[in-house]
Amino acid sequence: MSKFSMITIVVVSLFSATAFAAGGGIDIPGIGSATGTTGSEVTDSKINVMNNKSTGVTVGGGKIGGAGLSAEMKSAANVNSVVISSSKVKSSTINVIGNESNDVNAYGGTANVNSVSIN
């Protein structure tokens, strides 16, 4: 790897540090990738997802690779759902009530339908 390429990678990494610290990721071809979030805190809150209708939702994703080449497509369908990632939830109410979802498909991806996901 040339000196210029290595300096470029370091500069990109440093300028991406602020965005990466808040949430997101970095991908350096041939080197690697990483994602992450710092999260937040939900306290004394009421979150409602109520009386929604959805039909015909399809997402696709997956990963393929071999001989040093790979491709990845991440996908997620969050239909009438609450998704809270890398956060703390305290003294709060989350309601997913009266929603209707039809024909939801996730091929090689994730589908959260009429749900609460806290991770």
PDB file of N, CA and C in Angstrom:
ATOM      1  N   MET A   1       0.849  -1.163   0.000  1.00  0.00           N
ATOM      2  CA  MET A   1       0.000   0.000   0.000  1.00  0.00           C
ATOM      3  C   MET A   1       0.899   1.231   0.000  1.00  0.00           C
ATOM      4  N   SER A   2       0.593   2.204  -0.858  1.00  0.00           N
ATOM      5  CA  SER A   2       1.423   3.395  -0.961  1.00  0.00           C
ATOM      6  C   SER A   2       1.224   4.311   0.238  1.00  0.00           C
ATOM      7  N   LYS A   3       2.200   5.198   0.455  1.00  0.00           N
ATOM      8  CA  LYS A   3       2.120   6.141   1.559  1.00  0.00           C
ATOM      9  C   LYS A   3       0.911   7.057   1.393  1.00  0.00           C
ATOM     10  N   PHE A   4       0.614   7.479   0.160  1.00  0.00           N
ATOM     11  CA  PHE A   4      -0.536   8.347  -0.107  1.00  0.00           C
ATOM     12  C   PHE A   4      -1.838   7.654   0.267  1.00  0.00           C
ATOM     13  N   SER A   5      -1.978   6.380  -0.094  1.00  0.00           N
ATOM     14  CA  SER A   5      -3.199   5.638   0.232  1.00  0.00           C
ATOM     15  C   SER A   5      -3.394   5.522   1.732  1.00  0.00           C
ATOM     16  N   MET A   6      -2.319   5.241   2.459  1.00  0.00           N
ATOM     17  CA  MET A   6      -2.420   5.106   3.904  1.00  0.00           C
ATOM     18  C   MET A   6      -2.792   6.437   4.555  1.00  0.00           C
ATOM     19  N   ILE A   7      -2.221   7.533   4.084  1.00  0.00           N
ATOM     20  CA  ILE A   7      -2.569   8.860   4.620  1.00  0.00           C
ATOM     21  C   ILE A   7      -4.030   9.172   4.331  1.00  0.00           C
ATOM     22  N   THR A   8      -4.490   8.854   3.148  1.00  0.00           N
ATOM     23  CA  THR A   8      -5.884   9.091   2.786  1.00  0.00           C
ATOM     24  C   THR A   8      -6.819   8.313   3.711  1.00  0.00           C
ATOM     25  N   ILE A   9      -6.504   7.055   3.990  1.00  0.00           N
ATOM     26  CA  ILE A   9      -7.332   6.241   4.878  1.00  0.00           C
ATOM     27  C   ILE A   9      -7.375   6.848   6.272  1.00  0.00           C
ATOM     28  N   VAL A  10      -6.233   7.294   6.784  1.00  0.00           N
ATOM     29  CA  VAL A  10      -6.193   7.895   8.118  1.00  0.00           C
ATOM     30  C   VAL A  10      -7.009   9.180   8.152  1.00  0.00           C
ATOM     31  N   VAL A  11      -6.874  10.038   7.131  1.00  0.00           N
ATOM     32  CA  VAL A  11      -7.627  11.298   7.082  1.00  0.00           C
ATOM     33  C   VAL A  11      -9.119  11.025   7.013  1.00  0.00           C
ATOM     34  N   VAL A  12      -9.543  10.100   6.165  1.00  0.00           N
ATOM     35  CA  VAL A  12     -10.962   9.753   6.070  1.00  0.00           C
ATOM     36  C   VAL A  12     -11.458   9.222   7.398  1.00  0.00           C
ATOM     37  N   SER A  13     -10.666   8.391   8.049  1.00  0.00           N
ATOM     38  CA  SER A  13     -11.065   7.840   9.339  1.00  0.00           C
ATOM     39  C   SER A  13     -11.218   8.924  10.387  1.00  0.00           C
ATOM     40  N   LEU A  14     -10.300   9.874  10.419  1.00  0.00           N
ATOM     41  CA  LEU A  14     -10.384  10.951  11.404  1.00  0.00           C
ATOM     42  C   LEU A  14     -11.590  11.846  11.163  1.00  0.00           C
ATOM     43  N   PHE A  15     -11.852  12.213   9.902  1.00  0.00           N
ATOM     44  CA  PHE A  15     -13.001  13.060   9.618  1.00  0.00           C
ATOM     45  C   PHE A  15     -14.315  12.317   9.797  1.00  0.00           C
ATOM     46  N   SER A  16     -14.301  10.996   9.712  1.00  0.00           N
ATOM     47  CA  SER A  16     -15.507  10.200   9.922  1.00  0.00           C
ATOM     48  C   SER A  16     -15.752   9.925  11.400  1.00  0.00           C
ATOM     49  N   ALA A  17     -14.791  10.206  12.248  1.00  0.00           N
ATOM     50  CA  ALA A  17     -14.910   9.853  13.663  1.00  0.00           C
ATOM     51  C   ALA A  17     -16.105  10.516  14.331  1.00  0.00           C
ATOM     52  N   THR A  18     -16.373  11.771  14.013  1.00  0.00           N
ATOM     53  CA  THR A  18     -17.494  12.461  14.639  1.00  0.00           C
ATOM     54  C   THR A  18     -18.805  11.807  14.251  1.00  0.00           C
ATOM     55  N   ALA A  19     -19.011  11.547  12.981  1.00  0.00           N
ATOM     56  CA  ALA A  19     -20.245  10.896  12.532  1.00  0.00           C
ATOM     57  C   ALA A  19     -20.321   9.477  13.060  1.00  0.00           C
ATOM     58  N   PHE A  20     -19.199   8.784  13.097  1.00  0.00           N
ATOM     59  CA  PHE A  20     -19.192   7.406  13.577  1.00  0.00           C
ATOM     60  C   PHE A  20     -19.543   7.347  15.056  1.00  0.00           C
ATOM     61  N   ALA A  21     -19.083   8.337  15.838  1.00  0.00           N
ATOM     62  CA  ALA A  21     -19.374   8.350  17.266  1.00  0.00           C
ATOM     63  C   ALA A  21     -20.862   8.519  17.521  1.00  0.00           C
ATOM     64  N   ALA A  22     -21.549   9.303  16.691  1.00  0.00           N
ATOM     65  CA  ALA A  22     -22.980   9.524  16.872  1.00  0.00           C
ATOM     66  C   ALA A  22     -23.789   8.346  16.354  1.00  0.00           C
ATOM     67  N   GLY A  23     -23.352   7.756  15.289  1.00  0.00           N
ATOM     68  CA  GLY A  23     -24.046   6.606  14.723  1.00  0.00           C
ATOM     69  C   GLY A  23     -23.733   6.496  13.251  1.00  0.00           C
ATOM     70  N   GLY A  24     -23.557   5.305  12.796  1.00  0.00           N
ATOM     71  CA  GLY A  24     -23.258   5.109  11.387  1.00  0.00           C
ATOM     72  C   GLY A  24     -22.140   4.110  11.229  1.00  0.00           C
ATOM     73  N   GLY A  25     -21.365   4.301  10.192  1.00  0.00           N
ATOM     74  CA  GLY A  25     -20.306   3.341   9.966  1.00  0.00           C
ATOM     75  C   GLY A  25     -19.275   3.867   9.004  1.00  0.00           C
ATOM     76  N   ILE A  26     -18.261   3.076   8.844  1.00  0.00           N
ATOM     77  CA  ILE A  26     -17.195   3.407   7.912  1.00  0.00           C
ATOM     78  C   ILE A  26     -16.821   2.128   7.176  1.00  0.00           C
ATOM     79  N   ASP A  27     -16.543   2.268   5.887  1.00  0.00           N
ATOM     80  CA  ASP A  27     -16.163   1.129   5.065  1.00  0.00           C
ATOM     81  C   ASP A  27     -14.956   1.527   4.243  1.00  0.00           C
ATOM     82  N   ILE A  28     -13.844   0.856   4.463  1.00  0.00           N
ATOM     83  CA  ILE A  28     -12.627   1.121   3.707  1.00  0.00           C
ATOM     84  C   ILE A  28     -12.363  -0.109   2.852  1.00  0.00           C
ATOM     85  N   PRO A  29     -12.613   0.001   1.542  1.00  0.00           N
ATOM     86  CA  PRO A  29     -12.464  -1.158   0.658  1.00  0.00           C
ATOM     87  C   PRO A  29     -11.087  -1.806   0.791  1.00  0.00           C
ATOM     88  N   GLY A  30     -11.084  -3.112   0.933  1.00  0.00           N
ATOM     89  CA  GLY A  30      -9.848  -3.856   1.048  1.00  0.00           C
ATOM     90  C   GLY A  30      -9.262  -3.881   2.448  1.00  0.00           C
ATOM     91  N   ILE A  31      -9.786  -3.033   3.336  1.00  0.00           N
ATOM     92  CA  ILE A  31      -9.269  -2.972   4.706  1.00  0.00           C
ATOM     93  C   ILE A  31     -10.285  -3.550   5.686  1.00  0.00           C
ATOM     94  N   GLY A  32     -11.507  -3.026   5.657  1.00  0.00           N
ATOM     95  CA  GLY A  32     -12.542  -3.507   6.563  1.00  0.00           C
ATOM     96  C   GLY A  32     -13.641  -2.472   6.747  1.00  0.00           C
ATOM     97  N   SER A  33     -14.583  -2.790   7.613  1.00  0.00           N
ATOM     98  CA  SER A  33     -15.676  -1.873   7.885  1.00  0.00           C
ATOM     99  C   SER A  33     -16.127  -2.035   9.329  1.00  0.00           C
ATOM    100  N   ALA A  34     -16.822  -1.009   9.831  1.00  0.00           N
ATOM    101  CA  ALA A  34     -17.347  -1.058  11.192  1.00  0.00           C
ATOM    102  C   ALA A  34     -18.575  -0.157  11.274  1.00  0.00           C
ATOM    103  N   THR A  35     -19.501  -0.532  12.140  1.00  0.00           N
ATOM    104  CA  THR A  35     -20.677   0.296  12.392  1.00  0.00           C
ATOM    105  C   THR A  35     -20.877   0.405  13.895  1.00  0.00           C
ATOM    106  N   GLY A  36     -21.588   1.445  14.294  1.00  0.00           N
ATOM    107  CA  GLY A  36     -21.867   1.589  15.711  1.00  0.00           C
ATOM    108  C   GLY A  36     -22.708   2.815  16.003  1.00  0.00           C
ATOM    109  N   THR A  37     -23.250   2.854  17.203  1.00  0.00           N
ATOM    110  CA  THR A  37     -24.012   4.006  17.661  1.00  0.00           C
ATOM    111  C   THR A  37     -23.720   4.228  19.131  1.00  0.00           C
ATOM    112  N   THR A  38     -23.846   5.457  19.568  1.00  0.00           N
ATOM    113  CA  THR A  38     -23.644   5.753  20.978  1.00  0.00           C
ATOM    114  C   THR A  38     -24.939   5.645  21.750  1.00  0.00           C
ATOM    115  N   GLY A  39     -26.075   5.736  21.064  1.00  0.00           N
ATOM    116  CA  GLY A  39     -27.359   5.585  21.722  1.00  0.00           C
ATOM    117  C   GLY A  39     -27.801   6.838  22.447  1.00  0.00           C
ATOM    118  N   SER A  40     -28.920   6.716  23.119  1.00  0.00           N
ATOM    119  CA  SER A  40     -29.483   7.819  23.871  1.00  0.00           C
ATOM    120  C   SER A  40     -30.326   7.240  24.995  1.00  0.00           C
ATOM    121  N   GLU A  41     -31.124   8.075  25.620  1.00  0.00           N
ATOM    122  CA  GLU A  41     -31.967   7.615  26.706  1.00  0.00           C
ATOM    123  C   GLU A  41     -33.382   8.133  26.509  1.00  0.00           C
ATOM    124  N   VAL A  42     -34.350   7.234  26.591  1.00  0.00           N
ATOM    125  CA  VAL A  42     -35.766   7.587  26.503  1.00  0.00           C
ATOM    126  C   VAL A  42     -36.320   7.447  27.916  1.00  0.00           C
ATOM    127  N   THR A  43     -36.756   8.553  28.503  1.00  0.00           N
ATOM    128  CA  THR A  43     -37.217   8.548  29.888  1.00  0.00           C
ATOM    129  C   THR A  43     -38.561   9.251  29.997  1.00  0.00           C
ATOM    130  N   ASP A  44     -39.469   8.691  30.801  1.00  0.00           N
ATOM    131  CA  ASP A  44     -40.787   9.283  31.064  1.00  0.00           C
ATOM    132  C   ASP A  44     -41.491   9.669  29.766  1.00  0.00           C
ATOM    133  N   SER A  45     -41.534   8.745  28.829  1.00  0.00           N
ATOM    134  CA  SER A  45     -42.109   9.018  27.510  1.00  0.00           C
ATOM    135  C   SER A  45     -43.255   8.071  27.209  1.00  0.00           C
ATOM    136  N   LYS A  46     -44.102   8.491  26.280  1.00  0.00           N
ATOM    137  CA  LYS A  46     -45.166   7.633  25.773  1.00  0.00           C
ATOM    138  C   LYS A  46     -45.029   7.612  24.257  1.00  0.00           C
ATOM    139  N   ILE A  47     -44.805   6.428  23.712  1.00  0.00           N
ATOM    140  CA  ILE A  47     -44.638   6.253  22.270  1.00  0.00           C
ATOM    141  C   ILE A  47     -45.809   5.426  21.770  1.00  0.00           C
ATOM    142  N   ASN A  48     -46.547   5.957  20.797  1.00  0.00           N
ATOM    143  CA  ASN A  48     -47.720   5.272  20.253  1.00  0.00           C
ATOM    144  C   ASN A  48     -47.585   5.061  18.752  1.00  0.00           C
ATOM    145  N   VAL A  49     -47.821   3.841  18.311  1.00  0.00           N
ATOM    146  CA  VAL A  49     -47.969   3.516  16.892  1.00  0.00           C
ATOM    147  C   VAL A  49     -49.345   2.873  16.799  1.00  0.00           C
ATOM    148  N   MET A  50     -50.337   3.671  16.337  1.00  0.00           N
ATOM    149  CA  MET A  50     -51.721   3.225  16.442  1.00  0.00           C
ATOM    150  C   MET A  50     -52.492   3.422  15.139  1.00  0.00           C
ATOM    151  N   ASN A  51     -53.331   2.423  14.839  1.00  0.00           N
ATOM    152  CA  ASN A  51     -54.313   2.489  13.757  1.00  0.00           C
ATOM    153  C   ASN A  51     -53.707   2.778  12.386  1.00  0.00           C
ATOM    154  N   ASN A  52     -52.590   2.150  12.079  1.00  0.00           N
ATOM    155  CA  ASN A  52     -51.954   2.269  10.766  1.00  0.00           C
ATOM    156  C   ASN A  52     -52.260   1.033   9.931  1.00  0.00           C
ATOM    157  N   LYS A  53     -52.272   1.210   8.607  1.00  0.00           N
ATOM    158  CA  LYS A  53     -52.477   0.086   7.694  1.00  0.00           C
ATOM    159  C   LYS A  53     -51.367   0.085   6.655  1.00  0.00           C
ATOM    160  N   SER A  54     -50.843  -1.109   6.376  1.00  0.00           N
ATOM    161  CA  SER A  54     -49.817  -1.237   5.337  1.00  0.00           C
ATOM    162  C   SER A  54     -50.070  -2.499   4.529  1.00  0.00           C
ATOM    163  N   THR A  55     -49.778  -2.414   3.245  1.00  0.00           N
ATOM    164  CA  THR A  55     -49.968  -3.548   2.346  1.00  0.00           C
ATOM    165  C   THR A  55     -48.860  -3.545   1.307  1.00  0.00           C
ATOM    166  N   GLY A  56     -48.376  -4.728   0.970  1.00  0.00           N
ATOM    167  CA  GLY A  56     -47.428  -4.879  -0.133  1.00  0.00           C
ATOM    168  C   GLY A  56     -46.044  -4.334   0.151  1.00  0.00           C
ATOM    169  N   VAL A  57     -45.471  -4.690   1.286  1.00  0.00           N
ATOM    170  CA  VAL A  57     -44.119  -4.256   1.633  1.00  0.00           C
ATOM    171  C   VAL A  57     -43.164  -5.405   1.353  1.00  0.00           C
ATOM    172  N   THR A  58     -42.134  -5.151   0.542  1.00  0.00           N
ATOM    173  CA  THR A  58     -41.140  -6.172   0.221  1.00  0.00           C
ATOM    174  C   THR A  58     -39.752  -5.571   0.328  1.00  0.00           C
ATOM    175  N   VAL A  59     -38.865  -6.259   1.043  1.00  0.00           N
ATOM    176  CA  VAL A  59     -37.463  -5.857   1.110  1.00  0.00           C
ATOM    177  C   VAL A  59     -36.612  -7.060   0.752  1.00  0.00           C
ATOM    178  N   GLY A  60     -35.430  -6.793   0.219  1.00  0.00           N
ATOM    179  CA  GLY A  60     -34.524  -7.863  -0.151  1.00  0.00           C
ATOM    180  C   GLY A  60     -33.113  -7.523   0.241  1.00  0.00           C
ATOM    181  N   GLY A  61     -32.370  -8.525   0.593  1.00  0.00           N
ATOM    182  CA  GLY A  61     -30.975  -8.319   0.960  1.00  0.00           C
ATOM    183  C   GLY A  61     -30.261  -9.646   0.998  1.00  0.00           C
ATOM    184  N   GLY A  62     -29.021  -9.596   1.359  1.00  0.00           N
ATOM    185  CA  GLY A  62     -28.245 -10.814   1.465  1.00  0.00           C
ATOM    186  C   GLY A  62     -26.771 -10.543   1.260  1.00  0.00           C
ATOM    187  N   LYS A  63     -26.011 -11.600   1.249  1.00  0.00           N
ATOM    188  CA  LYS A  63     -24.572 -11.483   1.092  1.00  0.00           C
ATOM    189  C   LYS A  63     -24.093 -12.617   0.192  1.00  0.00           C
ATOM    190  N   ILE A  64     -23.183 -12.281  -0.697  1.00  0.00           N
ATOM    191  CA  ILE A  64     -22.603 -13.280  -1.593  1.00  0.00           C
ATOM    192  C   ILE A  64     -21.112 -12.977  -1.707  1.00  0.00           C
ATOM    193  N   GLY A  65     -20.313 -14.004  -1.831  1.00  0.00           N
ATOM    194  CA  GLY A  65     -18.887 -13.751  -1.953  1.00  0.00           C
ATOM    195  C   GLY A  65     -18.121 -14.994  -2.340  1.00  0.00           C
ATOM    196  N   GLY A  66     -16.888 -14.757  -2.734  1.00  0.00           N
ATOM    197  CA  GLY A  66     -15.994 -15.842  -3.111  1.00  0.00           C
ATOM    198  C   GLY A  66     -14.801 -15.294  -3.854  1.00  0.00           C
ATOM    199  N   ALA A  67     -13.709 -15.964  -3.769  1.00  0.00           N
ATOM    200  CA  ALA A  67     -12.475 -15.609  -4.493  1.00  0.00           C
ATOM    201  C   ALA A  67     -12.056 -14.163  -4.239  1.00  0.00           C
ATOM    202  N   GLY A  68     -12.213 -13.706  -2.987  1.00  0.00           N
ATOM    203  CA  GLY A  68     -11.768 -12.355  -2.640  1.00  0.00           C
ATOM    204  C   GLY A  68     -12.753 -11.254  -2.970  1.00  0.00           C
ATOM    205  N   LEU A  69     -13.879 -11.592  -3.569  1.00  0.00           N
ATOM    206  CA  LEU A  69     -14.893 -10.592  -3.900  1.00  0.00           C
ATOM    207  C   LEU A  69     -16.148 -10.873  -3.081  1.00  0.00           C
ATOM    208  N   SER A  70     -16.804  -9.810  -2.660  1.00  0.00           N
ATOM    209  CA  SER A  70     -18.052 -10.011  -1.936  1.00  0.00           C
ATOM    210  C   SER A  70     -18.974  -8.817  -2.145  1.00  0.00           C
ATOM    211  N   ALA A  71     -20.243  -9.064  -1.972  1.00  0.00           N
ATOM    212  CA  ALA A  71     -21.248  -8.010  -2.057  1.00  0.00           C
ATOM    213  C   ALA A  71     -22.258  -8.249  -0.941  1.00  0.00           C
ATOM    214  N   GLU A  72     -22.695  -7.169  -0.323  1.00  0.00           N
ATOM    215  CA  GLU A  72     -23.657  -7.287   0.767  1.00  0.00           C
ATOM    216  C   GLU A  72     -24.689  -6.177   0.644  1.00  0.00           C
ATOM    217  N   MET A  73     -25.936  -6.548   0.819  1.00  0.00           N
ATOM    218  CA  MET A  73     -27.016  -5.570   0.808  1.00  0.00           C
ATOM    219  C   MET A  73     -27.863  -5.824   2.048  1.00  0.00           C
ATOM    220  N   LYS A  74     -27.843  -4.886   2.972  1.00  0.00           N
ATOM    221  CA  LYS A  74     -28.622  -5.027   4.191  1.00  0.00           C
ATOM    222  C   LYS A  74     -30.004  -4.437   3.956  1.00  0.00           C
ATOM    223  N   SER A  75     -31.007  -5.083   4.520  1.00  0.00           N
ATOM    224  CA  SER A  75     -32.352  -4.552   4.356  1.00  0.00           C
ATOM    225  C   SER A  75     -33.169  -4.815   5.605  1.00  0.00           C
ATOM    226  N   ALA A  76     -34.096  -3.916   5.860  1.00  0.00           N
ATOM    227  CA  ALA A  76     -35.007  -4.083   6.988  1.00  0.00           C
ATOM    228  C   ALA A  76     -36.312  -3.379   6.657  1.00  0.00           C
ATOM    229  N   ALA A  77     -37.402  -4.060   6.921  1.00  0.00           N
ATOM    230  CA  ALA A  77     -38.727  -3.457   6.797  1.00  0.00           C
ATOM    231  C   ALA A  77     -39.270  -3.293   8.207  1.00  0.00           C
ATOM    232  N   ASN A  78     -39.423  -2.064   8.646  1.00  0.00           N
ATOM    233  CA  ASN A  78     -40.011  -1.767   9.945  1.00  0.00           C
ATOM    234  C   ASN A  78     -41.399  -1.224   9.686  1.00  0.00           C
ATOM    235  N   VAL A  79     -42.382  -2.104   9.758  1.00  0.00           N
ATOM    236  CA  VAL A  79     -43.754  -1.773   9.387  1.00  0.00           C
ATOM    237  C   VAL A  79     -44.581  -1.630  10.658  1.00  0.00           C
ATOM    238  N   ASN A  80     -45.136  -0.443  10.867  1.00  0.00           N
ATOM    239  CA  ASN A  80     -45.947  -0.173  12.061  1.00  0.00           C
ATOM    240  C   ASN A  80     -45.209  -0.631  13.311  1.00  0.00           C
ATOM    241  N   SER A  81     -43.954  -0.253  13.426  1.00  0.00           N
ATOM    242  CA  SER A  81     -43.095  -0.748  14.497  1.00  0.00           C
ATOM    243  C   SER A  81     -42.338   0.377  15.175  1.00  0.00           C
ATOM    244  N   VAL A  82     -41.872   0.087  16.373  1.00  0.00           N
ATOM    245  CA  VAL A  82     -40.971   0.966  17.104  1.00  0.00           C
ATOM    246  C   VAL A  82     -39.647   0.219  17.224  1.00  0.00           C
ATOM    247  N   VAL A  83     -38.568   0.839  16.741  1.00  0.00           N
ATOM    248  CA  VAL A  83     -37.245   0.229  16.833  1.00  0.00           C
ATOM    249  C   VAL A  83     -36.339   1.215  17.562  1.00  0.00           C
ATOM    250  N   ILE A  84     -35.830   0.777  18.690  1.00  0.00           N
ATOM    251  CA  ILE A  84     -34.933   1.612  19.489  1.00  0.00           C
ATOM    252  C   ILE A  84     -33.640   0.828  19.642  1.00  0.00           C
ATOM    253  N   SER A  85     -32.552   1.377  19.098  1.00  0.00           N
ATOM    254  CA  SER A  85     -31.268   0.682  19.119  1.00  0.00           C
ATOM    255  C   SER A  85     -30.256   1.427  19.978  1.00  0.00           C
ATOM    256  N   SER A  86     -29.473   0.675  20.707  1.00  0.00           N
ATOM    257  CA  SER A  86     -28.375   1.209  21.515  1.00  0.00           C
ATOM    258  C   SER A  86     -28.829   2.334  22.430  1.00  0.00           C
ATOM    259  N   SER A  87     -29.990   2.187  23.013  1.00  0.00           N
ATOM    260  CA  SER A  87     -30.531   3.213  23.895  1.00  0.00           C
ATOM    261  C   SER A  87     -31.129   2.581  25.140  1.00  0.00           C
ATOM    262  N   LYS A  88     -31.263   3.382  26.159  1.00  0.00           N
ATOM    263  CA  LYS A  88     -31.907   2.947  27.392  1.00  0.00           C
ATOM    264  C   LYS A  88     -33.338   3.472  27.398  1.00  0.00           C
ATOM    265  N   VAL A  89     -34.275   2.657  27.856  1.00  0.00           N
ATOM    266  CA  VAL A  89     -35.667   3.065  27.982  1.00  0.00           C
ATOM    267  C   VAL A  89     -36.043   2.925  29.454  1.00  0.00           C
ATOM    268  N   LYS A  90     -36.446   4.054  30.076  1.00  0.00           N
ATOM    269  CA  LYS A  90     -36.799   4.038  31.488  1.00  0.00           C
ATOM    270  C   LYS A  90     -38.130   4.739  31.710  1.00  0.00           C
ATOM    271  N   SER A  91     -38.958   4.184  32.561  1.00  0.00           N
ATOM    272  CA  SER A  91     -40.235   4.789  32.976  1.00  0.00           C
ATOM    273  C   SER A  91     -41.049   5.272  31.784  1.00  0.00           C
ATOM    274  N   SER A  92     -41.156   4.456  30.761  1.00  0.00           N
ATOM    275  CA  SER A  92     -41.842   4.838  29.530  1.00  0.00           C
ATOM    276  C   SER A  92     -42.882   3.797  29.145  1.00  0.00           C
ATOM    277  N   THR A  93     -43.839   4.218  28.319  1.00  0.00           N
ATOM    278  CA  THR A  93     -44.872   3.332  27.793  1.00  0.00           C
ATOM    279  C   THR A  93     -44.755   3.311  26.278  1.00  0.00           C
ATOM    280  N   ILE A  94     -44.742   2.117  25.702  1.00  0.00           N
ATOM    281  CA  ILE A  94     -44.703   1.970  24.247  1.00  0.00           C
ATOM    282  C   ILE A  94     -45.908   1.131  23.843  1.00  0.00           C
ATOM    283  N   ASN A  95     -46.769   1.701  22.985  1.00  0.00           N
ATOM    284  CA  ASN A  95     -47.972   1.017  22.518  1.00  0.00           C
ATOM    285  C   ASN A  95     -47.922   0.809  21.018  1.00  0.00           C
ATOM    286  N   VAL A  96     -48.177  -0.413  20.577  1.00  0.00           N
ATOM    287  CA  VAL A  96     -48.368  -0.735  19.164  1.00  0.00           C
ATOM    288  C   VAL A  96     -49.747  -1.386  19.111  1.00  0.00           C
ATOM    289  N   ILE A  97     -50.762  -0.581  18.761  1.00  0.00           N
ATOM    290  CA  ILE A  97     -52.155  -0.998  18.917  1.00  0.00           C
ATOM    291  C   ILE A  97     -52.953  -0.714  17.648  1.00  0.00           C
ATOM    292  N   GLY A  98     -53.806  -1.663  17.254  1.00  0.00           N
ATOM    293  CA  GLY A  98     -54.766  -1.449  16.177  1.00  0.00           C
ATOM    294  C   GLY A  98     -54.175  -1.291  14.793  1.00  0.00           C
ATOM    295  N   ASN A  99     -52.997  -1.831  14.570  1.00  0.00           N
ATOM    296  CA  ASN A  99     -52.348  -1.741  13.266  1.00  0.00           C
ATOM    297  C   ASN A  99     -52.688  -2.969  12.429  1.00  0.00           C
ATOM    298  N   GLU A 100     -52.652  -2.797  11.118  1.00  0.00           N
ATOM    299  CA  GLU A 100     -52.937  -3.901  10.210  1.00  0.00           C
ATOM    300  C   GLU A 100     -51.875  -3.937   9.128  1.00  0.00           C
ATOM    301  N   SER A 101     -51.277  -5.102   8.925  1.00  0.00           N
ATOM    302  CA  SER A 101     -50.250  -5.272   7.901  1.00  0.00           C
ATOM    303  C   SER A 101     -50.551  -6.516   7.088  1.00  0.00           C
ATOM    304  N   ASN A 102     -50.514  -6.370   5.767  1.00  0.00           N
ATOM    305  CA  ASN A 102     -50.764  -7.486   4.862  1.00  0.00           C
ATOM    306  C   ASN A 102     -49.654  -7.559   3.823  1.00  0.00           C
ATOM    307  N   ASP A 103     -49.305  -8.776   3.461  1.00  0.00           N
ATOM    308  CA  ASP A 103     -48.352  -9.027   2.381  1.00  0.00           C
ATOM    309  C   ASP A 103     -47.007  -8.336   2.633  1.00  0.00           C
ATOM    310  N   VAL A 104     -46.375  -8.667   3.770  1.00  0.00           N
ATOM    311  CA  VAL A 104     -45.047  -8.156   4.099  1.00  0.00           C
ATOM    312  C   VAL A 104     -44.051  -9.281   3.874  1.00  0.00           C
ATOM    313  N   ASN A 105     -43.036  -9.034   3.031  1.00  0.00           N
ATOM    314  CA  ASN A 105     -42.039 -10.047   2.678  1.00  0.00           C
ATOM    315  C   ASN A 105     -40.635  -9.491   2.877  1.00  0.00           C
ATOM    316  N   ALA A 106     -39.768 -10.299   3.467  1.00  0.00           N
ATOM    317  CA  ALA A 106     -38.357  -9.935   3.629  1.00  0.00           C
ATOM    318  C   ALA A 106     -37.517 -11.088   3.102  1.00  0.00           C
ATOM    319  N   TYR A 107     -36.871 -10.874   1.975  1.00  0.00           N
ATOM    320  CA  TYR A 107     -36.021 -11.895   1.360  1.00  0.00           C
ATOM    321  C   TYR A 107     -34.566 -11.554   1.662  1.00  0.00           C
ATOM    322  N   GLY A 108     -33.939 -12.340   2.533  1.00  0.00           N
ATOM    323  CA  GLY A 108     -32.550 -12.075   2.900  1.00  0.00           C
ATOM    324  C   GLY A 108     -32.403 -10.859   3.790  1.00  0.00           C
ATOM    325  N   GLY A 109     -33.492 -10.426   4.389  1.00  0.00           N
ATOM    326  CA  GLY A 109     -33.462  -9.258   5.264  1.00  0.00           C
ATOM    327  C   GLY A 109     -34.296  -9.505   6.496  1.00  0.00           C
ATOM    328  N   THR A 110     -34.662  -8.438   7.152  1.00  0.00           N
ATOM    329  CA  THR A 110     -35.419  -8.511   8.400  1.00  0.00           C
ATOM    330  C   THR A 110     -36.732  -7.759   8.247  1.00  0.00           C
ATOM    331  N   ALA A 111     -37.792  -8.310   8.792  1.00  0.00           N
ATOM    332  CA  ALA A 111     -39.077  -7.618   8.821  1.00  0.00           C
ATOM    333  C   ALA A 111     -39.576  -7.554  10.249  1.00  0.00           C
ATOM    334  N   ASN A 112     -39.761  -6.346  10.749  1.00  0.00           N
ATOM    335  CA  ASN A 112     -40.404  -6.121  12.047  1.00  0.00           C
ATOM    336  C   ASN A 112     -41.776  -5.565  11.743  1.00  0.00           C
ATOM    337  N   VAL A 113     -42.803  -6.309  12.101  1.00  0.00           N
ATOM    338  CA  VAL A 113     -44.166  -5.933  11.749  1.00  0.00           C
ATOM    339  C   VAL A 113     -45.009  -5.858  13.019  1.00  0.00           C
ATOM    340  N   ASN A 114     -45.674  -4.694  13.212  1.00  0.00           N
ATOM    341  CA  ASN A 114     -46.518  -4.483  14.393  1.00  0.00           C
ATOM    342  C   ASN A 114     -45.776  -4.910  15.654  1.00  0.00           C
ATOM    343  N   SER A 115     -44.605  -4.345  15.849  1.00  0.00           N
ATOM    344  CA  SER A 115     -43.747  -4.835  16.926  1.00  0.00           C
ATOM    345  C   SER A 115     -42.964  -3.717  17.594  1.00  0.00           C
ATOM    346  N   VAL A 116     -42.361  -4.056  18.723  1.00  0.00           N
ATOM    347  CA  VAL A 116     -41.428  -3.197  19.422  1.00  0.00           C
ATOM    348  C   VAL A 116     -40.108  -3.953  19.499  1.00  0.00           C
ATOM    349  N   SER A 117     -39.037  -3.329  19.058  1.00  0.00           N
ATOM    350  CA  SER A 117     -37.714  -3.943  19.101  1.00  0.00           C
ATOM    351  C   SER A 117     -36.775  -2.988  19.816  1.00  0.00           C
ATOM    352  N   ILE A 118     -36.296  -3.410  20.987  1.00  0.00           N
ATOM    353  CA  ILE A 118     -35.329  -2.612  21.743  1.00  0.00           C
ATOM    354  C   ILE A 118     -34.065  -3.454  21.867  1.00  0.00           C
ATOM    355  N   ASN A 119     -32.990  -2.969  21.280  1.00  0.00           N
ATOM    356  CA  ASN A 119     -31.745  -3.732  21.329  1.00  0.00           C
ATOM    357  C   ASN A 119     -30.548  -2.838  21.507  1.00  0.00           C
TER     358      ASN A 119
END
